[in-house]
């Protein structure tokens, strides 16, 4: 069974875009708790830091992360298809 590389790339891109929007909304609405969660995720003390959320940054991040996710999905499908075909023969 082969994966459709274009479909997987689009799936990765759409999922990443949705998660980016959700995360950005959480940062805009709950900056303090989101900073605390980020500090826990990085095992760091981010007390002196604050979020800088602009529309420009939001859209640049949305486009960049979405494109990289699409590339990752395409590469994963490509490698999966290559590995499964070489192991099946």
N, C-alpha and C. Protein backbone atom coordinates (compact mmCIF):
# COMPACT_ATOMS: atom_id res chain seq x y z
N UNK A 1 0.84 -1.18 0.00
CA UNK A 1 0.00 0.00 0.00
C UNK A 1 0.88 1.24 0.00
N UNK A 2 0.68 2.11 -0.96
CA UNK A 2 1.41 3.37 -1.05
C UNK A 2 0.58 4.51 -0.50
N UNK A 3 1.27 5.49 0.06
CA UNK A 3 0.61 6.71 0.50
C UNK A 3 0.61 7.71 -0.65
N UNK A 4 -0.45 8.47 -0.76
CA UNK A 4 -0.52 9.54 -1.74
C UNK A 4 0.22 10.74 -1.15
N UNK A 5 1.38 11.07 -1.73
CA UNK A 5 2.24 12.11 -1.18
C UNK A 5 1.54 13.47 -1.14
N UNK A 6 0.79 13.80 -2.19
CA UNK A 6 0.09 15.09 -2.22
C UNK A 6 -0.98 15.17 -1.14
N UNK A 7 -1.71 14.09 -0.95
CA UNK A 7 -2.76 14.07 0.08
C UNK A 7 -2.17 14.19 1.48
N UNK A 8 -1.07 13.47 1.72
CA UNK A 8 -0.45 13.56 3.04
C UNK A 8 0.14 14.95 3.27
N UNK A 9 0.74 15.53 2.25
CA UNK A 9 1.29 16.89 2.36
C UNK A 9 0.18 17.88 2.69
N UNK A 10 -0.94 17.79 2.01
CA UNK A 10 -2.07 18.69 2.28
C UNK A 10 -2.63 18.46 3.68
N UNK A 11 -2.70 17.21 4.11
CA UNK A 11 -3.20 16.90 5.45
C UNK A 11 -2.30 17.52 6.51
N UNK A 12 -0.98 17.36 6.35
CA UNK A 12 -0.03 17.97 7.28
C UNK A 12 -0.18 19.49 7.29
N UNK A 13 -0.30 20.08 6.10
CA UNK A 13 -0.40 21.54 5.99
C UNK A 13 -1.66 22.06 6.67
N UNK A 14 -2.79 21.43 6.41
CA UNK A 14 -4.05 21.89 6.99
C UNK A 14 -4.05 21.72 8.51
N UNK A 15 -3.58 20.56 8.98
CA UNK A 15 -3.53 20.32 10.42
C UNK A 15 -2.63 21.35 11.11
N UNK A 16 -1.49 21.66 10.50
CA UNK A 16 -0.56 22.63 11.08
C UNK A 16 -1.17 24.02 11.08
N UNK A 17 -1.85 24.41 10.02
CA UNK A 17 -2.49 25.73 9.96
C UNK A 17 -3.55 25.86 11.05
N UNK A 18 -4.36 24.83 11.24
CA UNK A 18 -5.39 24.86 12.29
C UNK A 18 -4.75 24.98 13.66
N UNK A 19 -3.69 24.20 13.91
CA UNK A 19 -3.01 24.27 15.20
C UNK A 19 -2.34 25.62 15.41
N UNK A 20 -1.78 26.20 14.36
CA UNK A 20 -1.15 27.52 14.46
C UNK A 20 -2.18 28.58 14.86
N UNK A 21 -3.33 28.56 14.22
CA UNK A 21 -4.39 29.53 14.53
C UNK A 21 -4.86 29.33 15.98
N UNK A 22 -5.08 28.09 16.38
CA UNK A 22 -5.54 27.81 17.75
C UNK A 22 -4.50 28.28 18.77
N UNK A 23 -3.24 27.98 18.53
CA UNK A 23 -2.18 28.40 19.45
C UNK A 23 -2.09 29.92 19.52
N UNK A 24 -2.17 30.58 18.38
CA UNK A 24 -2.11 32.04 18.35
C UNK A 24 -3.28 32.66 19.10
N UNK A 25 -4.46 32.08 18.95
CA UNK A 25 -5.62 32.57 19.69
C UNK A 25 -5.42 32.41 21.19
N UNK A 26 -4.88 31.26 21.60
CA UNK A 26 -4.63 31.04 23.02
C UNK A 26 -3.60 32.04 23.56
N UNK A 27 -2.57 32.32 22.79
CA UNK A 27 -1.56 33.31 23.22
C UNK A 27 -2.20 34.69 23.33
N UNK A 28 -3.08 35.04 22.40
CA UNK A 28 -3.73 36.35 22.44
C UNK A 28 -4.69 36.47 23.61
N UNK A 29 -5.42 35.40 23.92
CA UNK A 29 -6.45 35.45 24.96
C UNK A 29 -5.87 35.15 26.35
N UNK A 30 -4.92 34.23 26.43
CA UNK A 30 -4.36 33.80 27.71
C UNK A 30 -2.83 33.87 27.69
N UNK A 31 -2.25 35.06 27.57
CA UNK A 31 -0.80 35.14 27.43
C UNK A 31 -0.03 34.58 28.63
N UNK A 32 -0.49 34.86 29.84
CA UNK A 32 0.20 34.39 31.04
C UNK A 32 0.26 32.87 31.13
N UNK A 33 -0.91 32.20 31.09
CA UNK A 33 -0.89 30.74 31.16
C UNK A 33 -0.13 30.09 30.00
N UNK A 34 -0.20 30.68 28.82
CA UNK A 34 0.53 30.11 27.69
C UNK A 34 2.05 30.27 27.87
N UNK A 35 2.47 31.40 28.45
CA UNK A 35 3.90 31.58 28.72
C UNK A 35 4.36 30.57 29.77
N UNK A 36 3.53 30.34 30.78
CA UNK A 36 3.88 29.36 31.82
C UNK A 36 3.97 27.96 31.21
N UNK A 37 3.04 27.61 30.33
CA UNK A 37 3.09 26.29 29.69
C UNK A 37 4.33 26.17 28.82
N UNK A 38 4.68 27.22 28.09
CA UNK A 38 5.87 27.20 27.26
C UNK A 38 7.13 27.03 28.12
N UNK A 39 7.17 27.72 29.25
CA UNK A 39 8.31 27.59 30.15
C UNK A 39 8.44 26.15 30.64
N UNK A 40 7.32 25.53 30.98
CA UNK A 40 7.36 24.13 31.42
C UNK A 40 7.83 23.21 30.28
N UNK A 41 7.36 23.47 29.07
CA UNK A 41 7.75 22.63 27.94
C UNK A 41 9.25 22.73 27.66
N UNK A 42 9.83 23.91 27.86
CA UNK A 42 11.26 24.11 27.61
C UNK A 42 12.12 23.92 28.85
N UNK A 43 11.48 23.59 29.98
CA UNK A 43 12.20 23.41 31.25
C UNK A 43 13.04 24.65 31.55
N UNK A 44 12.41 25.81 31.40
CA UNK A 44 13.13 27.07 31.54
C UNK A 44 12.35 28.04 32.41
N UNK A 45 13.05 29.06 32.86
CA UNK A 45 12.42 30.16 33.57
C UNK A 45 12.28 31.31 32.59
N UNK A 46 11.06 31.58 32.15
CA UNK A 46 10.82 32.64 31.17
C UNK A 46 10.17 33.86 31.82
N UNK A 47 10.47 34.09 33.09
CA UNK A 47 9.83 35.15 33.85
C UNK A 47 9.99 36.52 33.19
N UNK A 48 11.15 36.82 32.64
CA UNK A 48 11.40 38.14 32.07
C UNK A 48 10.92 38.31 30.64
N UNK A 49 10.34 37.27 30.08
CA UNK A 49 9.92 37.32 28.68
C UNK A 49 8.43 37.64 28.56
N UNK A 50 8.05 38.14 27.40
CA UNK A 50 6.63 38.37 27.12
C UNK A 50 6.38 38.06 25.65
N UNK A 51 5.12 37.85 25.32
CA UNK A 51 4.76 37.53 23.94
C UNK A 51 4.69 38.81 23.12
N UNK A 52 5.12 38.74 21.88
CA UNK A 52 4.92 39.82 20.92
C UNK A 52 4.14 39.21 19.77
N UNK A 53 2.86 39.45 19.75
CA UNK A 53 1.98 38.86 18.74
C UNK A 53 1.44 39.97 17.84
N UNK A 54 1.90 39.97 16.59
CA UNK A 54 1.44 40.96 15.62
C UNK A 54 0.77 40.22 14.46
N UNK A 55 -0.01 40.95 13.67
CA UNK A 55 -0.65 40.33 12.50
C UNK A 55 0.41 39.86 11.50
N UNK A 56 1.45 40.66 11.34
CA UNK A 56 2.53 40.28 10.41
C UNK A 56 3.18 38.98 10.86
N UNK A 57 3.52 38.91 12.14
CA UNK A 57 4.12 37.69 12.68
C UNK A 57 3.20 36.50 12.58
N UNK A 58 1.92 36.74 12.84
CA UNK A 58 0.94 35.66 12.74
C UNK A 58 0.91 35.08 11.33
N UNK A 59 0.82 35.93 10.32
CA UNK A 59 0.71 35.45 8.94
C UNK A 59 2.03 34.86 8.42
N UNK A 60 3.16 35.45 8.79
CA UNK A 60 4.44 34.88 8.39
C UNK A 60 4.60 33.49 9.00
N UNK A 61 4.29 33.37 10.28
CA UNK A 61 4.37 32.06 10.94
C UNK A 61 3.41 31.05 10.35
N UNK A 62 2.21 31.50 10.04
CA UNK A 62 1.20 30.62 9.45
C UNK A 62 1.68 30.07 8.11
N UNK A 63 2.17 30.93 7.26
CA UNK A 63 2.63 30.50 5.94
C UNK A 63 3.88 29.61 6.06
N UNK A 64 4.84 30.04 6.87
CA UNK A 64 6.09 29.29 6.99
C UNK A 64 5.85 27.89 7.57
N UNK A 65 5.14 27.81 8.69
CA UNK A 65 4.90 26.50 9.31
C UNK A 65 4.03 25.62 8.42
N UNK A 66 3.08 26.20 7.73
CA UNK A 66 2.22 25.41 6.85
C UNK A 66 3.02 24.83 5.69
N UNK A 67 3.89 25.65 5.09
CA UNK A 67 4.71 25.15 3.98
C UNK A 67 5.67 24.06 4.44
N UNK A 68 6.34 24.26 5.58
CA UNK A 68 7.27 23.25 6.08
C UNK A 68 6.55 21.97 6.45
N UNK A 69 5.33 22.09 6.99
CA UNK A 69 4.57 20.88 7.31
C UNK A 69 4.19 20.13 6.05
N UNK A 70 3.83 20.85 4.99
CA UNK A 70 3.51 20.20 3.73
C UNK A 70 4.74 19.46 3.17
N UNK A 71 5.89 20.09 3.25
CA UNK A 71 7.12 19.45 2.79
C UNK A 71 7.40 18.20 3.63
N UNK A 72 7.21 18.30 4.94
CA UNK A 72 7.43 17.14 5.81
C UNK A 72 6.48 16.00 5.46
N UNK A 73 5.22 16.30 5.24
CA UNK A 73 4.25 15.27 4.87
C UNK A 73 4.60 14.61 3.55
N UNK A 74 5.02 15.42 2.58
CA UNK A 74 5.41 14.89 1.28
C UNK A 74 6.63 13.98 1.41
N UNK A 75 7.63 14.43 2.19
CA UNK A 75 8.84 13.62 2.38
C UNK A 75 8.54 12.31 3.12
N UNK A 76 7.68 12.38 4.11
CA UNK A 76 7.32 11.17 4.85
C UNK A 76 6.65 10.16 3.92
N UNK A 77 5.72 10.63 3.09
CA UNK A 77 5.06 9.72 2.15
C UNK A 77 6.07 9.16 1.15
N UNK A 78 6.95 10.00 0.64
CA UNK A 78 7.96 9.56 -0.31
C UNK A 78 8.85 8.47 0.31
N UNK A 79 9.34 8.71 1.52
CA UNK A 79 10.20 7.73 2.18
C UNK A 79 9.43 6.46 2.53
N UNK A 80 8.20 6.61 3.01
CA UNK A 80 7.38 5.45 3.35
C UNK A 80 7.16 4.57 2.12
N UNK A 81 6.79 5.20 1.02
CA UNK A 81 6.56 4.44 -0.21
C UNK A 81 7.84 3.76 -0.69
N UNK A 82 8.95 4.45 -0.59
CA UNK A 82 10.22 3.87 -1.02
C UNK A 82 10.61 2.70 -0.13
N UNK A 83 10.48 2.87 1.19
CA UNK A 83 10.87 1.81 2.12
C UNK A 83 9.95 0.59 2.01
N UNK A 84 8.65 0.83 1.89
CA UNK A 84 7.74 -0.32 1.81
C UNK A 84 7.93 -1.07 0.51
N UNK A 85 8.23 -0.37 -0.57
CA UNK A 85 8.43 -1.08 -1.85
C UNK A 85 9.74 -1.86 -1.83
N UNK A 86 10.77 -1.33 -1.16
CA UNK A 86 12.05 -2.04 -1.14
C UNK A 86 12.01 -3.22 -0.17
N UNK A 87 11.22 -3.15 0.88
CA UNK A 87 11.11 -4.24 1.84
C UNK A 87 10.16 -5.32 1.37
N UNK A 88 9.25 -4.98 0.46
CA UNK A 88 8.25 -5.95 -0.01
C UNK A 88 8.80 -6.82 -1.12
N UNK A 89 9.92 -6.44 -1.71
CA UNK A 89 10.46 -7.25 -2.82
C UNK A 89 11.50 -8.22 -2.35
